[in-house]
Protein backbone atom coordinates (compact mmCIF):
# COMPACT_ATOMS: atom_id res chain seq x y z
CA UNK A 1 0.00 0.00 0.00
CA UNK A 2 2.73 2.44 0.95
CA UNK A 3 4.93 1.51 -1.99
CA UNK A 4 2.01 1.84 -4.38
CA UNK A 5 2.13 5.64 -4.08
CA UNK A 6 5.62 5.69 -5.54
CA UNK A 7 4.64 3.39 -8.40
CA UNK A 8 1.57 5.48 -9.22
CA UNK A 9 3.61 8.64 -9.17
CA UNK A 10 6.47 7.36 -11.29
CA UNK A 11 4.12 6.04 -13.95
CA UNK A 12 2.27 9.34 -13.81
CA UNK A 13 5.47 11.23 -14.52
CA UNK A 14 5.90 9.16 -17.67
CA UNK A 15 2.31 9.74 -18.80
CA UNK A 16 2.62 13.43 -18.08
CA UNK A 17 5.71 13.98 -20.20
CA UNK A 18 3.87 14.16 -23.52
CA UNK A 19 3.36 17.32 -25.57
CA UNK A 20 -0.23 18.01 -24.58
CA UNK A 21 -1.12 21.66 -25.07
CA UNK A 22 -1.89 23.20 -21.68
CA UNK A 23 -4.94 25.31 -21.06
CA UNK A 24 -4.45 28.90 -20.00
CA UNK A 25 -5.66 28.17 -16.49
CA UNK A 26 -5.64 24.89 -14.60
CA UNK A 27 -7.32 23.93 -11.36
CA UNK A 28 -6.13 21.51 -8.70
CA UNK A 29 -9.62 20.03 -8.51
CA UNK A 30 -11.26 17.74 -11.09
CA UNK A 31 -7.95 16.70 -12.62
CA UNK A 32 -7.39 12.94 -12.57
CA UNK A 33 -3.62 13.10 -12.83
CA UNK A 34 -3.33 15.80 -10.19
CA UNK A 35 -5.58 13.69 -7.95
CA UNK A 36 -3.08 10.84 -8.26
CA UNK A 37 -0.22 13.16 -7.26
CA UNK A 38 -2.17 14.39 -4.24
CA UNK A 39 -2.93 10.78 -3.25
CA UNK A 40 0.75 9.85 -3.48
CA UNK A 41 1.74 12.86 -1.37
CA UNK A 42 -0.90 11.95 1.24
CA UNK A 43 0.47 8.41 1.51
CA UNK A 44 4.02 9.66 1.94
CA UNK A 45 2.91 12.17 4.57
CA UNK A 46 1.31 9.34 6.53
CA UNK A 47 4.52 7.30 6.35
CA UNK A 48 6.68 10.10 7.77
CA UNK A 49 4.13 11.64 10.17
CA UNK A 50 4.88 9.73 13.37
CA UNK A 51 8.27 10.41 14.97
CA UNK A 52 8.67 6.89 16.37
CA UNK A 53 7.90 5.32 13.00
CA UNK A 54 10.12 7.81 11.19
CA UNK A 55 13.07 6.72 13.30
CA UNK A 56 12.65 3.17 11.93
CA UNK A 57 12.60 4.20 8.26
CA UNK A 58 16.29 3.41 7.79
CA UNK A 59 15.61 -0.17 8.90
CA UNK A 60 12.39 -0.64 6.90
CA UNK A 61 13.30 0.96 3.56
CA UNK A 62 16.44 0.78 1.47
CA UNK A 63 18.09 4.07 0.37
CA UNK A 64 16.74 3.55 -3.15
CA UNK A 65 13.19 2.94 -1.93
CA UNK A 66 13.40 6.02 0.29
CA UNK A 67 14.32 8.09 -2.76
CA UNK A 68 11.56 6.48 -4.81
CA UNK A 69 9.03 7.32 -2.13
CA UNK A 70 10.30 10.89 -2.10
CA UNK A 71 9.21 11.13 -5.75
CA UNK A 72 5.72 11.62 -4.37
CA UNK A 73 6.62 14.31 -1.86
CA UNK A 74 5.39 17.40 -3.72
CA UNK A 75 1.80 18.28 -4.52
CA UNK A 76 0.17 21.37 -6.06
CA UNK A 77 -1.13 23.99 -3.66
CA UNK A 78 -4.89 24.47 -3.61
CA UNK A 79 -5.28 28.19 -2.96
CA UNK A 80 -8.96 27.66 -2.15
CA UNK A 81 -7.93 26.01 1.11
CA UNK A 82 -8.17 28.42 4.01
CA UNK A 83 -4.57 27.86 5.07
CA UNK A 84 -3.28 28.75 1.58
CA UNK A 85 -5.42 31.76 0.70
CA UNK A 86 -2.72 34.21 1.77
CA UNK A 87 -0.14 32.16 -0.17
CA UNK A 88 -1.96 33.00 -3.41
CA UNK A 89 -1.01 36.65 -2.90
CA UNK A 90 2.48 36.10 -1.50
CA UNK A 91 4.13 33.04 -3.09
CA UNK A 92 5.72 33.70 -6.45
CA UNK A 93 8.74 33.41 -8.71
CA UNK A 94 11.68 35.66 -9.49
CA UNK A 95 12.91 35.93 -13.07
CA UNK A 96 16.19 37.70 -13.74
CA UNK A 97 18.77 38.12 -16.47
CA UNK A 98 22.21 37.56 -14.96
CA UNK A 99 25.71 36.90 -16.30
CA UNK A 100 26.70 33.34 -17.10
CA UNK A 101 29.44 31.57 -15.17
CA UNK A 102 31.61 32.14 -18.28
CA UNK A 103 31.08 35.90 -18.03
CA UNK A 104 30.40 36.44 -21.73
CA UNK A 105 26.62 36.25 -21.95
CA UNK A 106 23.37 36.88 -20.09
CA UNK A 107 21.26 33.95 -18.96
CA UNK A 108 17.67 33.89 -17.76
CA UNK A 109 17.35 32.42 -14.28
CA UNK A 110 14.19 31.69 -12.32
CA UNK A 111 13.72 30.91 -8.65
CA UNK A 112 11.02 30.91 -5.99
CA UNK A 113 10.26 33.83 -3.68
CA UNK A 114 7.92 34.99 -0.92
CA UNK A 115 6.43 38.40 -0.14
CA UNK A 116 7.27 39.41 3.45
CA UNK A 117 6.22 43.06 3.33
CA UNK A 118 3.86 45.40 1.54
CA UNK A 119 6.48 45.86 -1.19
CA UNK A 120 9.20 43.46 -0.04
CA UNK A 121 10.27 40.08 -1.44
CA UNK A 122 12.60 37.50 0.09
CA UNK A 123 14.48 35.11 -2.17
CA UNK A 124 17.83 33.34 -2.55
CA UNK A 125 20.89 35.41 -3.40
CA UNK A 126 22.38 32.70 -5.64
CA UNK A 127 19.44 33.05 -8.02
CA UNK A 128 20.78 36.51 -8.83
CA UNK A 129 24.49 36.12 -8.19
CA UNK A 130 25.61 32.53 -8.82
CA UNK A 131 28.01 33.84 -11.48
CA UNK A 132 31.20 35.33 -10.08
CA UNK A 133 31.15 37.69 -13.06
CA UNK A 134 27.85 39.23 -11.99
CA UNK A 135 28.50 42.41 -10.03
CA UNK A 136 26.66 43.19 -6.83
CA UNK A 137 24.79 46.48 -6.64
CA UNK A 138 26.73 49.54 -5.65
CA UNK A 139 25.43 52.72 -4.12
CA UNK A 140 23.42 54.46 -6.81
CA UNK A 141 24.15 51.74 -9.38
CA UNK A 142 21.76 48.83 -10.03
CA UNK A 143 23.71 45.99 -11.65
CA UNK A 144 20.74 43.62 -11.75
CA UNK A 145 18.36 44.46 -14.58
CA UNK A 146 15.15 42.92 -15.86
CA UNK A 147 14.19 41.63 -12.42
CA UNK A 148 10.55 40.49 -12.30
CA UNK A 149 8.36 39.05 -9.54
CA UNK A 150 5.59 36.80 -10.91
CA UNK A 151 2.62 35.90 -8.77
CA UNK A 152 -0.63 34.02 -9.41
CA UNK A 153 -1.22 31.29 -12.00
CA UNK A 154 -2.54 30.81 -15.52
CA UNK A 155 -4.39 33.82 -16.91
CA UNK A 156 -4.32 35.36 -13.44
CA UNK A 157 -0.53 35.68 -13.37
CA UNK A 158 0.69 39.17 -12.55
CA UNK A 159 4.18 40.53 -13.07
CA UNK A 160 5.85 43.34 -11.15
CA UNK A 161 9.21 44.96 -11.76
CA UNK A 162 11.54 44.70 -8.81
CA UNK A 163 14.95 45.91 -7.69
CA UNK A 164 17.46 44.85 -5.06
CA UNK A 165 16.83 46.39 -1.64
CA UNK A 166 19.34 44.61 0.62
CA UNK A 167 22.00 41.97 0.00
CA UNK A 168 24.89 40.45 1.94
CA UNK A 169 28.06 40.84 -0.13
CA UNK A 170 31.12 40.24 2.04
CA UNK A 171 33.50 37.84 0.31
CA UNK A 172 34.77 35.18 2.70
CA UNK A 173 31.95 35.95 5.10
CA UNK A 174 28.85 35.52 2.93
CA UNK A 175 30.33 33.65 -0.03
CA UNK A 176 33.44 32.34 -1.71
CA UNK A 177 34.34 32.38 -5.40
CA UNK A 178 35.20 29.15 -7.20
CA UNK A 179 37.41 29.68 -10.27
CA UNK A 180 38.47 26.91 -12.62
CA UNK A 181 38.97 26.07 -16.29
CA UNK A 182 36.51 23.74 -17.99
CA UNK A 183 36.47 22.14 -21.45
CA UNK A 184 33.24 22.70 -23.36
CA UNK A 185 32.10 22.16 -26.96
CA UNK A 186 31.43 25.28 -29.06
CA UNK A 187 30.41 24.88 -32.74
CA UNK A 188 31.62 21.28 -32.65
CA UNK A 189 35.04 22.19 -31.27
CA UNK A 190 36.44 21.66 -27.80
CA UNK A 191 37.49 24.90 -26.17
CA UNK A 192 38.62 25.82 -22.69
CA UNK A 193 36.62 28.36 -20.75
CA UNK A 194 37.25 29.97 -17.41
CA UNK A 195 34.42 29.50 -14.94
CA UNK A 196 33.80 31.78 -12.01
CA UNK A 197 31.05 30.62 -9.67
CA UNK A 198 29.94 32.31 -6.45
CA UNK A 199 29.20 29.88 -3.60
CA UNK A 200 27.03 31.38 -0.85
CA UNK A 201 26.93 30.24 2.75
CA UNK A 202 23.32 29.21 3.20
CA UNK A 203 22.45 31.58 6.06
CA UNK A 204 23.82 34.42 3.90
CA UNK A 205 22.15 33.15 0.74
CA UNK A 206 19.29 35.62 1.08
CA UNK A 207 18.43 38.86 -0.65
CA UNK A 208 15.59 41.34 -0.18
CA UNK A 209 13.92 42.85 -3.22
CA UNK A 210 11.42 45.69 -3.40
CA UNK A 211 8.57 45.94 -5.86
CA UNK A 212 8.74 49.04 -8.01
CA UNK A 213 5.49 51.00 -7.90
CA UNK A 214 3.41 48.32 -6.19
CA UNK A 215 2.32 47.88 -2.59
CA UNK A 216 -0.44 45.89 -0.88
CA UNK A 217 -1.21 44.39 2.52
CA UNK A 218 -0.65 40.74 1.57
CA UNK A 219 2.54 39.39 3.11
CA UNK A 220 3.87 36.63 5.33
CA UNK A 221 5.39 37.16 8.75
CA UNK A 222 8.92 35.95 9.48
CA UNK A 223 10.35 33.92 12.34
CA UNK A 224 13.94 34.78 13.29
CA UNK A 225 15.49 31.88 15.18
CA UNK A 226 19.07 30.86 15.85
CA UNK A 227 19.78 27.28 14.66
CA UNK A 228 21.12 26.33 18.09
CA UNK A 229 17.76 27.16 19.67
CA UNK A 230 15.87 25.51 16.82
CA UNK A 231 17.04 22.05 17.90
CA UNK A 232 16.94 22.29 21.69
CA UNK A 233 15.35 19.08 22.96
CA UNK A 234 15.03 17.67 19.42
CA UNK A 235 16.10 14.09 18.65
CA UNK A 236 18.67 14.32 15.86
CA UNK A 237 17.38 11.08 14.38
CA UNK A 238 13.88 12.44 13.73
CA UNK A 239 14.41 16.20 13.49
CA UNK A 240 11.54 18.70 13.20
CA UNK A 241 8.68 18.62 10.71
CA UNK A 242 8.44 21.46 8.19
CA UNK A 243 6.67 22.40 4.98
CA UNK A 244 8.20 24.27 2.03
CA UNK A 245 6.61 25.98 -0.98
CA UNK A 246 7.88 26.89 -4.42
CA UNK A 247 8.43 25.75 -7.99
CA UNK A 248 10.66 22.65 -8.12
CA UNK A 249 11.70 21.95 -11.71
CA UNK A 250 11.12 18.19 -11.51
CA UNK A 251 7.42 19.03 -11.02
CA UNK A 252 7.07 22.20 -13.10
CA UNK A 253 8.72 20.57 -16.14
CA UNK A 254 5.94 17.96 -16.46
CA UNK A 255 2.49 18.04 -18.06
CA UNK A 256 -0.56 16.75 -16.18
CA UNK A 257 -3.28 16.12 -18.70
CA UNK A 258 -4.08 19.51 -20.21
CA UNK A 259 -2.20 21.30 -17.45
CA UNK A 260 1.45 22.17 -17.15
CA UNK A 261 3.42 21.99 -13.95
CA UNK A 262 4.18 25.70 -14.21
CA UNK A 263 0.45 26.37 -13.86
CA UNK A 264 0.77 25.47 -10.19
CA UNK A 265 2.76 26.34 -7.10
CA UNK A 266 3.94 23.30 -5.17
CA UNK A 267 4.40 22.23 -1.55
CA UNK A 268 5.96 19.44 0.46
CA UNK A 269 4.47 18.84 3.88
CA UNK A 270 6.13 16.80 6.64
CA UNK A 271 9.62 17.21 5.27
CA UNK A 272 12.15 17.38 8.10
CA UNK A 273 15.12 19.38 9.27
CA UNK A 274 17.75 17.61 11.35
CA UNK A 275 20.46 19.97 12.53
CA UNK A 276 22.78 22.69 11.31
CA UNK A 277 25.87 21.85 9.30
CA UNK A 278 28.75 21.55 11.77
CA UNK A 279 30.69 24.38 10.11
CA UNK A 280 27.64 26.62 9.92
CA UNK A 281 28.35 27.07 6.20
CA UNK A 282 25.69 25.04 4.44
CA UNK A 283 22.77 25.85 6.70
CA UNK A 284 20.29 23.38 8.19
CA UNK A 285 20.13 19.83 6.82
CA UNK A 286 16.81 18.76 5.32
CA UNK A 287 15.38 15.81 3.40
CA UNK A 288 13.25 18.18 1.32
CA UNK A 289 12.75 16.71 -2.18
CA UNK A 290 13.58 19.99 -3.91
CA UNK A 291 15.11 20.61 -7.32
CA UNK A 292 16.31 23.57 -9.37
CA UNK A 293 13.69 26.33 -9.34
CA UNK A 294 12.88 25.74 -5.67
CA UNK A 295 15.73 28.01 -4.53
CA UNK A 296 14.30 30.90 -2.55
CA UNK A 297 11.13 29.03 -1.66
CA UNK A 298 9.78 29.72 1.87
CA UNK A 299 9.78 27.09 4.61
CA UNK A 300 7.60 26.87 7.72
CA UNK A 301 7.87 24.91 10.96
CA UNK A 302 4.80 22.73 11.46
CA UNK A 303 4.23 24.30 14.88
CA UNK A 304 4.78 27.87 13.55
CA UNK A 305 3.05 27.42 10.21
CA UNK A 306 2.15 31.09 9.64
CA UNK A 307 5.74 32.40 9.72
CA UNK A 308 8.63 31.93 7.28
CA UNK A 309 11.61 30.62 9.27
CA UNK A 310 13.96 30.00 6.34
CA UNK A 311 14.27 29.55 2.59
CA UNK A 312 15.51 26.75 0.37
CA UNK A 313 19.22 27.22 -0.30
CA UNK A 314 21.62 24.71 -1.87
CA UNK A 315 22.50 21.07 -1.34
CA UNK A 316 23.59 17.86 -3.01
CA UNK A 317 20.97 17.49 -5.72
CA UNK A 318 22.77 14.99 -7.92
CA UNK A 319 24.69 11.74 -7.74
CA UNK A 320 28.43 11.36 -8.36
CA UNK A 321 27.79 11.29 -12.13
CA UNK A 322 25.87 14.56 -12.06
CA UNK A 323 22.40 13.04 -12.57
CA UNK A 324 19.52 14.54 -10.58
CA UNK A 325 18.69 12.51 -7.50
CA UNK A 326 16.19 13.03 -4.70
CA UNK A 327 17.30 12.67 -1.07
CA UNK A 328 16.59 9.82 1.28
CA UNK A 329 13.77 10.23 3.76
CA UNK A 330 16.13 9.42 6.62
CA UNK A 331 19.09 11.69 7.30
CA UNK A 332 22.40 9.83 7.34
CA UNK A 333 24.54 11.89 9.71
CA UNK A 334 27.63 9.85 8.85
CA UNK A 335 27.27 10.02 5.08
CA UNK A 336 25.10 12.99 4.15
CA UNK A 337 26.76 13.45 0.73
CA UNK A 338 25.38 10.09 -0.42
CA UNK A 339 22.08 10.99 1.20
CA UNK A 340 21.67 13.88 -1.27
CA UNK A 341 20.52 16.23 1.46
CA UNK A 342 19.37 19.77 0.82
CA UNK A 343 19.88 22.85 2.98
CA UNK A 344 17.71 25.61 4.38
CA UNK A 345 19.08 29.07 5.16
CA UNK A 346 17.67 30.70 8.29
CA UNK A 347 16.97 34.40 8.76
CA UNK A 348 19.07 35.27 11.83
CA UNK A 349 22.12 36.52 9.91
CA UNK A 350 19.96 38.70 7.63
CA UNK A 351 18.16 40.13 10.66
CA UNK A 352 21.44 40.90 12.41
CA UNK A 353 22.92 42.61 9.34
CA UNK A 354 19.80 44.67 8.75
CA UNK A 355 19.98 45.97 12.30
CA UNK A 356 23.70 46.72 12.02
CA UNK A 357 23.56 48.42 8.62
CA UNK A 358 20.07 49.95 8.45
CA UNK A 359 19.04 50.20 12.09
CA UNK A 360 16.02 47.86 12.02
CA UNK A 361 15.30 44.15 11.70
CA UNK A 362 12.91 41.91 9.84
CA UNK A 363 10.12 42.72 12.28
CA UNK A 364 10.03 46.24 10.78
CA UNK A 365 10.80 45.32 7.18
CA UNK A 366 7.31 46.00 5.85
CA UNK A 367 7.49 49.67 6.87
CA UNK A 368 11.00 50.19 5.51
CA UNK A 369 11.40 48.05 2.39
CA UNK A 370 9.46 50.19 -0.08
């Protein structure tokens, strides 16, 4: 019964990969293939719900089966549900043109984002600045152009121009730069190109954007918590239950009948966080089944479900051969690289830097980020 969810979902992914033309607006309800995804997610949530049972998952399921089950982790958000009505007005995507890691072209990058003020957006810094050739903003100079915040779905999608309001840009403190030479094929010929990639520390992998010429009263509150306090009294084997929202590419790249994955926003409930990376560099370990496009997506503690406590940052999203791979359900504290864990960046560093540099914290961001 429990394994059936994975089988249904995997076969569904194959059926959904055809070239069906999507309608301009798609609903979560009355969609047979979406119903199957929701059913698979419900079964997985029941498997990982109980802490005592979760602790036994490593004994009951092989690493491969844990990953297969995690295929059914995400489901589309039904904004008609009371608990998600505010999400319809706050959860969106960031689209930006930024320099490539080769420095010689502009690339279009998209990530997830959440509105945390009347005109203020929180997202992941690496969505904007993963290229080491992309300059940060300077006083009076905006080096990020064509920045758009998209919210809503289907024909109801709205787009707002945005600009950078606050970013953390201290090299060695917030990020490091990886520089190397790579061989690529250009016009059928092998050429060597220098790569410059910016690697953010997860708790610094946050940026605040402001909407240009738009303000409303729809926004999510934030929860600033130090990772040490987050895990007081928490069993490392079972962690804490969370939910995260966004646009993971392994879901948005599929078709579901006449609907496309990009017609929806997605959520994973009853994912877990386990502890902070020992060096404090990567952030908080999670088994979230995220993929590219989920970066910047908001995360909520199950017992503080109305406040954003962190956003999806980086992680090991592929195997040793570079192929995309979902994480295990159970965190392997002795071999997390093979567990393909993801990371969540918390808000405490951002809050501290706001207070030091601007004189106020996230609790006042709605009145100041405009």
